[in-house]
C-alpha atoms as a PDB file:
ATOM      1  CA  MET A   1      -8.102 -10.395   1.081  1.00  0.00           C
ATOM      2  CA  LYS A   2      -6.091  -9.137  -1.901  1.00  0.00           C
ATOM      3  CA  VAL A   3      -6.346  -5.398  -2.583  1.00  0.00           C
ATOM      4  CA  TYR A   4      -5.325  -3.577  -5.768  1.00  0.00           C
ATOM      5  CA  LEU A   5      -4.955   0.225  -5.562  1.00  0.00           C
ATOM      6  CA  ASP A   6      -5.210   1.937  -8.947  1.00  0.00           C
ATOM      7  CA  ASP A   7      -7.264   4.872 -10.205  1.00  0.00           C
ATOM      8  CA  ILE A   8      -7.395   3.598 -13.821  1.00  0.00           C
ATOM      9  CA  ARG A   9      -6.446  -0.073 -14.249  1.00  0.00           C
ATOM     10  CA  GLU A  10      -8.867  -2.848 -13.428  1.00  0.00           C
ATOM     11  CA  ALA A  11      -7.893  -5.247 -10.673  1.00  0.00           C
ATOM     12  CA  PRO A  12      -6.882  -8.782 -11.596  1.00  0.00           C
ATOM     13  CA  GLU A  13      -9.482 -11.458 -10.999  1.00  0.00           C
ATOM     14  CA  GLY A  14      -9.789 -12.289  -7.310  1.00  0.00           C
ATOM     15  CA  TRP A  15      -8.606  -8.858  -6.136  1.00  0.00           C
ATOM     16  CA  VAL A  16     -10.626  -6.017  -4.598  1.00  0.00           C
ATOM     17  CA  CYS A  17     -10.121  -2.798  -6.577  1.00  0.00           C
ATOM     18  CA  VAL A  18      -9.671   0.456  -4.641  1.00  0.00           C
ATOM     19  CA  ARG A  19      -9.486   3.770  -6.530  1.00  0.00           C
ATOM     20  CA  THR A  20      -8.546   6.485  -3.997  1.00  0.00           C
ATOM     21  CA  TYR A  21      -6.173   7.200  -1.121  1.00  0.00           C
ATOM     22  CA  THR A  22      -9.081   7.748   1.270  1.00  0.00           C
ATOM     23  CA  ASP A  23     -10.731   4.431   0.399  1.00  0.00           C
ATOM     24  CA  MET A  24      -7.382   2.635   0.714  1.00  0.00           C
ATOM     25  CA  ILE A  25      -6.792   4.071   4.195  1.00  0.00           C
ATOM     26  CA  SER A  26     -10.224   2.817   5.185  1.00  0.00           C
ATOM     27  CA  MET A  27      -9.338  -0.665   3.858  1.00  0.00           C
ATOM     28  CA  VAL A  28      -5.973  -0.945   5.628  1.00  0.00           C
ATOM     29  CA  ASP A  29      -7.518   0.244   8.878  1.00  0.00           C
ATOM     30  CA  SER A  30     -10.556  -2.043   8.709  1.00  0.00           C
ATOM     31  CA  PHE A  31      -9.539  -5.344   7.105  1.00  0.00           C
ATOM     32  CA  VAL A  32      -6.796  -7.937   7.226  1.00  0.00           C
ATOM     33  CA  ILE A  33      -5.042  -7.640   3.870  1.00  0.00           C
ATOM     34  CA  GLU A  34      -2.980 -10.605   2.754  1.00  0.00           C
ATOM     35  CA  GLU A  35      -1.654  -9.007  -0.435  1.00  0.00           C
ATOM     36  CA  LEU A  36      -1.537  -5.358  -1.445  1.00  0.00           C
ATOM     37  CA  SER A  37      -0.572  -4.123  -4.925  1.00  0.00           C
ATOM     38  CA  LEU A  38      -0.032  -0.379  -5.280  1.00  0.00           C
ATOM     39  CA  ASP A  39       0.044   2.162  -8.067  1.00  0.00           C
ATOM     40  CA  HIS A  40       1.894   5.415  -7.364  1.00  0.00           C
ATOM     41  CA  ASP A  41      -0.072   8.019  -9.331  1.00  0.00           C
ATOM     42  CA  LEU A  42      -3.706   8.120  -8.272  1.00  0.00           C
ATOM     43  CA  GLY A  43      -4.916  11.189 -10.150  1.00  0.00           C
ATOM     44  CA  GLU A  44      -5.161  13.117  -6.904  1.00  0.00           C
ATOM     45  CA  GLU A  45      -2.847  14.830  -4.461  1.00  0.00           C
ATOM     46  CA  LYS A  46      -2.062  11.646  -2.510  1.00  0.00           C
ATOM     47  CA  THR A  47      -0.173   8.675  -3.961  1.00  0.00           C
ATOM     48  CA  GLY A  48       0.541   5.018  -3.341  1.00  0.00           C
ATOM     49  CA  TYR A  49       3.718   6.185  -1.600  1.00  0.00           C
ATOM     50  CA  ASP A  50       1.548   8.118   0.863  1.00  0.00           C
ATOM     51  CA  ILE A  51      -0.293   4.875   1.702  1.00  0.00           C
ATOM     52  CA  LEU A  52       3.010   3.236   2.624  1.00  0.00           C
ATOM     53  CA  CYS A  53       4.020   6.238   4.750  1.00  0.00           C
ATOM     54  CA  TYR A  54       0.662   6.093   6.519  1.00  0.00           C
ATOM     55  CA  MET A  55       1.090   2.395   7.312  1.00  0.00           C
ATOM     56  CA  GLU A  56       4.609   2.977   8.622  1.00  0.00           C
ATOM     57  CA  GLU A  57       3.496   5.797  10.905  1.00  0.00           C
ATOM     58  CA  LYS A  58       0.491   3.807  12.140  1.00  0.00           C
ATOM     59  CA  LYS A  59       2.626   0.727  12.859  1.00  0.00           C
ATOM     60  CA  SER A  60       5.178   2.806  14.776  1.00  0.00           C
ATOM     61  CA  ARG A  61       2.396   4.184  17.024  1.00  0.00           C
ATOM     62  CA  GLU A  62       0.348   0.985  17.287  1.00  0.00           C
ATOM     63  CA  PRO A  63       2.542  -2.130  17.498  1.00  0.00           C
ATOM     64  CA  HIS A  64      -0.463  -4.463  17.008  1.00  0.00           C
ATOM     65  CA  TYR A  65      -1.465  -2.781  13.730  1.00  0.00           C
ATOM     66  CA  LEU A  66      -1.434  -5.487  11.037  1.00  0.00           C
ATOM     67  CA  LEU A  67       0.577  -4.899   7.896  1.00  0.00           C
ATOM     68  CA  PRO A  68      -0.225  -6.764   4.681  1.00  0.00           C
ATOM     69  CA  ASN A  69       1.746 -10.008   4.359  1.00  0.00           C
ATOM     70  CA  GLU A  70       2.922  -9.045   0.874  1.00  0.00           C
ATOM     71  CA  ILE A  71       3.195  -5.636  -0.791  1.00  0.00           C
ATOM     72  CA  THR A  72       3.931  -5.234  -4.486  1.00  0.00           C
ATOM     73  CA  ILE A  73       4.105  -2.234  -6.777  1.00  0.00           C
ATOM     74  CA  HIS A  74       2.569  -2.089 -10.245  1.00  0.00           C
ATOM     75  CA  THR A  75       3.216   1.575 -11.089  1.00  0.00           C
ATOM     76  CA  SER A  76       4.816   2.643 -14.352  1.00  0.00           C
ATOM     77  CA  ASN A  77       6.273   5.759 -12.692  1.00  0.00           C
ATOM     78  CA  PRO A  78      10.005   4.979 -12.182  1.00  0.00           C
ATOM     79  CA  VAL A  79      10.615   7.753  -9.641  1.00  0.00           C
ATOM     80  CA  GLY A  80       7.510   6.788  -7.686  1.00  0.00           C
ATOM     81  CA  ARG A  81       8.532   3.112  -7.815  1.00  0.00           C
ATOM     82  CA  ALA A  82      11.943   3.907  -6.300  1.00  0.00           C
ATOM     83  CA  LYS A  83      10.366   5.877  -3.430  1.00  0.00           C
ATOM     84  CA  MET A  84       7.830   3.125  -2.813  1.00  0.00           C
ATOM     85  CA  MET A  85      10.495   0.410  -2.791  1.00  0.00           C
ATOM     86  CA  GLN A  86      12.392   2.352  -0.132  1.00  0.00           C
ATOM     87  CA  ALA A  87       9.184   2.709   1.918  1.00  0.00           C
ATOM     88  CA  ILE A  88       8.512  -1.037   1.689  1.00  0.00           C
ATOM     89  CA  PHE A  89      12.079  -1.718   2.819  1.00  0.00           C
ATOM     90  CA  SER A  90      11.454   0.594   5.776  1.00  0.00           C
ATOM     91  CA  LEU A  91       8.225  -1.246   6.664  1.00  0.00           C
ATOM     92  CA  GLU A  92      10.061  -4.571   6.692  1.00  0.00           C
ATOM     93  CA  ARG A  93      11.950  -3.543   9.817  1.00  0.00           C
ATOM     94  CA  PHE A  94       8.691  -4.034  11.745  1.00  0.00           C
ATOM     95  CA  ARG A  95       8.692  -7.665  10.700  1.00  0.00           C
ATOM     96  CA  GLY A  96      12.225  -8.192  11.948  1.00  0.00           C
ATOM     97  CA  PHE A  97      13.597  -8.988   8.486  1.00  0.00           C
ATOM     98  CA  VAL A  98      15.919  -6.000   8.316  1.00  0.00           C
END
């Protein structure tokens, strides 16, 4: 499954569109996600960065928790992008790449 988190933009063809932090948490906890594309600003208190932090915390507590095979960022927020890139780098340590 390919999942696209964005509160405004439409998902590309073949992707499942998710609009909120809460719905995204439900997706990552319930489904195997092959590809995940994240926006930072979601029009609410939580952000795409918070999704990455959630996944990192969950993986550190539950070693069998499945991370998406590929995570990309499509935000136009440069500060948010930098934070999210650092979070993705941190997640990669669970895969043994770092």
